[in-house]
Amino acid sequence: MGVLNGIITAVALVTFIGIVWWAYSRGRAKDNTEASLLPFALPDEDESGKGEEGGEDDSSGPSMNDKKQGDTHE
């Protein structure tokens, strides 16, 4: 049983090192750069008065403190 655990651990380690090597290889540099810029490619939020200064409240749904009658688990 111990030998099997050792073999599985070694295979998992080699797999992990292979994935890290692949992710940081030179061939992936362009894809990694493009992926790192994806959060900035989103359109800007609508600035039509919603938010902090707009006066509209975002609390249209129930809050986390609201409990229904009969809810006993926390």
N, C-alpha and C. Protein backbone atom coordinates (compact mmCIF):
# COMPACT_ATOMS: atom_id res chain seq x y z
N MET A 1 0.82 -1.20 0.00
CA MET A 1 0.00 0.00 0.00
C MET A 1 0.86 1.26 0.00
N GLY A 2 1.97 1.23 0.75
CA GLY A 2 2.85 2.38 0.81
C GLY A 2 3.53 2.67 -0.51
N VAL A 3 3.86 1.60 -1.26
CA VAL A 3 4.50 1.77 -2.56
C VAL A 3 3.51 2.42 -3.53
N LEU A 4 2.26 1.99 -3.48
CA LEU A 4 1.23 2.57 -4.35
C LEU A 4 1.05 4.06 -4.04
N ASN A 5 1.03 4.41 -2.76
CA ASN A 5 0.92 5.83 -2.38
C ASN A 5 2.11 6.63 -2.90
N GLY A 6 3.30 6.05 -2.84
CA GLY A 6 4.49 6.72 -3.35
C GLY A 6 4.44 6.93 -4.85
N ILE A 7 3.96 5.91 -5.57
CA ILE A 7 3.86 6.02 -7.03
C ILE A 7 2.83 7.08 -7.41
N ILE A 8 1.69 7.08 -6.74
CA ILE A 8 0.65 8.08 -7.04
C ILE A 8 1.16 9.48 -6.72
N THR A 9 1.89 9.64 -5.63
CA THR A 9 2.45 10.95 -5.27
C THR A 9 3.45 11.41 -6.31
N ALA A 10 4.29 10.50 -6.78
CA ALA A 10 5.29 10.85 -7.80
C ALA A 10 4.62 11.25 -9.11
N VAL A 11 3.59 10.52 -9.50
CA VAL A 11 2.86 10.86 -10.74
C VAL A 11 2.20 12.22 -10.61
N ALA A 12 1.60 12.50 -9.44
CA ALA A 12 0.96 13.80 -9.22
C ALA A 12 1.98 14.92 -9.26
N LEU A 13 3.15 14.71 -8.68
CA LEU A 13 4.21 15.73 -8.68
C LEU A 13 4.70 16.00 -10.10
N VAL A 14 4.92 14.95 -10.87
CA VAL A 14 5.39 15.11 -12.25
C VAL A 14 4.32 15.83 -13.07
N THR A 15 3.06 15.48 -12.86
CA THR A 15 1.97 16.15 -13.57
C THR A 15 1.92 17.64 -13.22
N PHE A 16 2.05 17.97 -11.94
CA PHE A 16 2.04 19.37 -11.51
C PHE A 16 3.20 20.13 -12.13
N ILE A 17 4.38 19.57 -12.10
CA ILE A 17 5.55 20.25 -12.68
C ILE A 17 5.36 20.42 -14.19
N GLY A 18 4.76 19.44 -14.86
CA GLY A 18 4.50 19.55 -16.29
C GLY A 18 3.51 20.66 -16.61
N ILE A 19 2.47 20.79 -15.80
CA ILE A 19 1.49 21.86 -16.03
C ILE A 19 2.11 23.23 -15.80
N VAL A 20 2.91 23.37 -14.75
CA VAL A 20 3.58 24.65 -14.49
C VAL A 20 4.54 24.98 -15.61
N TRP A 21 5.31 23.99 -16.08
CA TRP A 21 6.25 24.20 -17.18
C TRP A 21 5.50 24.66 -18.43
N TRP A 22 4.38 24.00 -18.74
CA TRP A 22 3.58 24.35 -19.91
C TRP A 22 3.02 25.77 -19.78
N ALA A 23 2.51 26.12 -18.60
CA ALA A 23 1.87 27.42 -18.40
C ALA A 23 2.85 28.57 -18.55
N TYR A 24 4.10 28.36 -18.16
CA TYR A 24 5.09 29.44 -18.21
C TYR A 24 6.07 29.29 -19.38
N SER A 25 5.76 28.43 -20.34
CA SER A 25 6.67 28.25 -21.47
C SER A 25 6.62 29.47 -22.39
N ARG A 26 7.64 29.62 -23.20
CA ARG A 26 7.73 30.77 -24.11
C ARG A 26 6.61 30.78 -25.13
N GLY A 27 6.15 29.63 -25.55
CA GLY A 27 5.08 29.55 -26.53
C GLY A 27 3.75 30.09 -26.00
N ARG A 28 3.58 30.13 -24.69
CA ARG A 28 2.34 30.62 -24.08
C ARG A 28 2.43 32.09 -23.69
N ALA A 29 3.55 32.74 -23.91
CA ALA A 29 3.74 34.12 -23.46
C ALA A 29 2.70 35.06 -24.07
N LYS A 30 2.43 34.92 -25.36
CA LYS A 30 1.45 35.80 -26.01
C LYS A 30 0.06 35.56 -25.44
N ASP A 31 -0.33 34.30 -25.28
CA ASP A 31 -1.65 33.98 -24.73
C ASP A 31 -1.77 34.47 -23.29
N ASN A 32 -0.70 34.33 -22.51
CA ASN A 32 -0.74 34.79 -21.12
C ASN A 32 -0.89 36.31 -21.05
N THR A 33 -0.22 37.02 -21.95
CA THR A 33 -0.33 38.48 -21.98
C THR A 33 -1.75 38.90 -22.35
N GLU A 34 -2.33 38.25 -23.34
CA GLU A 34 -3.71 38.56 -23.73
C GLU A 34 -4.68 38.26 -22.59
N ALA A 35 -4.48 37.15 -21.91
CA ALA A 35 -5.37 36.78 -20.80
C ALA A 35 -5.24 37.75 -19.63
N SER A 36 -4.04 38.28 -19.42
CA SER A 36 -3.86 39.22 -18.31
C SER A 36 -4.55 40.56 -18.57
N LEU A 37 -4.84 40.87 -19.83
CA LEU A 37 -5.50 42.13 -20.16
C LEU A 37 -7.02 42.00 -20.26
N LEU A 38 -7.56 40.79 -20.15
CA LEU A 38 -9.00 40.59 -20.28
C LEU A 38 -9.84 41.38 -19.28
N PRO A 39 -9.45 41.53 -18.02
CA PRO A 39 -10.29 42.32 -17.11
C PRO A 39 -10.44 43.77 -17.53
N PHE A 40 -9.48 44.28 -18.26
CA PHE A 40 -9.53 45.68 -18.68
C PHE A 40 -10.28 45.85 -20.00
N ALA A 41 -10.67 44.75 -20.64
CA ALA A 41 -11.37 44.82 -21.91
C ALA A 41 -12.88 44.97 -21.71
N LEU A 42 -13.35 44.92 -20.48
CA LEU A 42 -14.77 45.07 -20.21
C LEU A 42 -15.20 46.51 -20.44
N PRO A 43 -16.42 46.71 -20.90
CA PRO A 43 -16.88 48.09 -21.09
C PRO A 43 -17.06 48.77 -19.74
N ASP A 44 -16.90 50.08 -19.72
CA ASP A 44 -17.09 50.84 -18.49
C ASP A 44 -18.53 50.76 -18.05
N GLU A 45 -18.73 50.87 -16.74
CA GLU A 45 -20.09 50.84 -16.22
C GLU A 45 -20.82 52.12 -16.60
N ASP A 46 -22.14 52.02 -16.67
CA ASP A 46 -22.97 53.17 -17.02
C ASP A 46 -22.89 54.20 -15.90
N GLU A 47 -22.57 55.41 -16.24
CA GLU A 47 -22.44 56.47 -15.24
C GLU A 47 -23.64 57.40 -15.28
N SER A 48 -24.84 56.84 -15.41
CA SER A 48 -26.04 57.65 -15.54
C SER A 48 -26.68 58.00 -14.20
N GLY A 49 -25.89 58.07 -13.15
CA GLY A 49 -26.41 58.50 -11.87
C GLY A 49 -26.61 57.38 -10.88
N LYS A 50 -26.37 56.16 -11.27
CA LYS A 50 -26.48 55.06 -10.32
C LYS A 50 -25.18 54.95 -9.54
N GLY A 51 -25.28 54.46 -8.33
CA GLY A 51 -24.08 54.27 -7.54
C GLY A 51 -24.07 55.16 -6.32
N GLU A 52 -22.90 55.61 -5.96
CA GLU A 52 -22.72 56.35 -4.71
C GLU A 52 -23.44 57.70 -4.73
N GLU A 53 -23.32 58.44 -5.81
CA GLU A 53 -23.87 59.79 -5.84
C GLU A 53 -25.25 59.85 -6.47
N GLY A 54 -25.70 58.77 -7.11
CA GLY A 54 -26.94 58.79 -7.86
C GLY A 54 -28.19 58.77 -7.03
N GLY A 55 -28.11 58.34 -5.81
CA GLY A 55 -29.26 58.33 -4.95
C GLY A 55 -30.07 57.05 -5.02
N GLU A 56 -29.85 56.21 -6.01
CA GLU A 56 -30.58 54.96 -6.06
C GLU A 56 -29.91 53.97 -5.14
N ASP A 57 -30.73 53.17 -4.47
CA ASP A 57 -30.22 52.19 -3.53
C ASP A 57 -30.17 50.84 -4.22
N ASP A 58 -29.06 50.13 -4.08
CA ASP A 58 -28.90 48.82 -4.72
C ASP A 58 -29.57 47.70 -3.92
N SER A 59 -30.19 48.00 -2.80
CA SER A 59 -30.72 46.95 -1.94
C SER A 59 -32.14 46.56 -2.33
N SER A 60 -32.32 46.15 -3.58
CA SER A 60 -33.65 45.76 -4.03
C SER A 60 -33.99 44.35 -3.58
N GLY A 61 -32.99 43.51 -3.35
CA GLY A 61 -33.24 42.14 -2.93
C GLY A 61 -33.09 41.99 -1.43
N PRO A 62 -33.37 40.80 -0.92
CA PRO A 62 -33.24 40.57 0.52
C PRO A 62 -31.78 40.61 0.94
N SER A 63 -31.54 41.10 2.13
CA SER A 63 -30.17 41.15 2.62
C SER A 63 -29.85 39.83 3.31
N MET A 64 -28.59 39.66 3.67
CA MET A 64 -28.17 38.43 4.31
C MET A 64 -28.72 38.31 5.73
N ASN A 65 -29.10 39.42 6.33
CA ASN A 65 -29.61 39.39 7.69
C ASN A 65 -31.09 39.05 7.74
N ASP A 66 -31.78 39.14 6.61
CA ASP A 66 -33.20 38.80 6.57
C ASP A 66 -33.36 37.30 6.68
N LYS A 67 -34.23 36.86 7.60
CA LYS A 67 -34.52 35.46 7.75
C LYS A 67 -35.99 35.21 7.52
N LYS A 68 -36.27 34.11 6.87
CA LYS A 68 -37.65 33.71 6.70
C LYS A 68 -38.12 33.02 7.97
N GLN A 69 -39.39 33.06 8.18
CA GLN A 69 -39.92 32.41 9.35
C GLN A 69 -39.72 30.90 9.18
N GLY A 70 -39.17 30.27 10.20
CA GLY A 70 -38.94 28.84 10.16
C GLY A 70 -37.51 28.47 9.84
N ASP A 71 -36.68 29.43 9.43
CA ASP A 71 -35.26 29.14 9.17
C ASP A 71 -34.56 28.99 10.51
N THR A 72 -34.04 27.82 10.75
CA THR A 72 -33.34 27.61 12.02
C THR A 72 -31.86 27.38 11.85
N HIS A 73 -31.42 27.02 10.66
CA HIS A 73 -29.99 26.78 10.46
C HIS A 73 -29.28 28.10 10.14
N GLU A 74 -28.04 28.12 10.50
CA GLU A 74 -27.26 29.35 10.28
C GLU A 74 -26.08 29.08 9.40
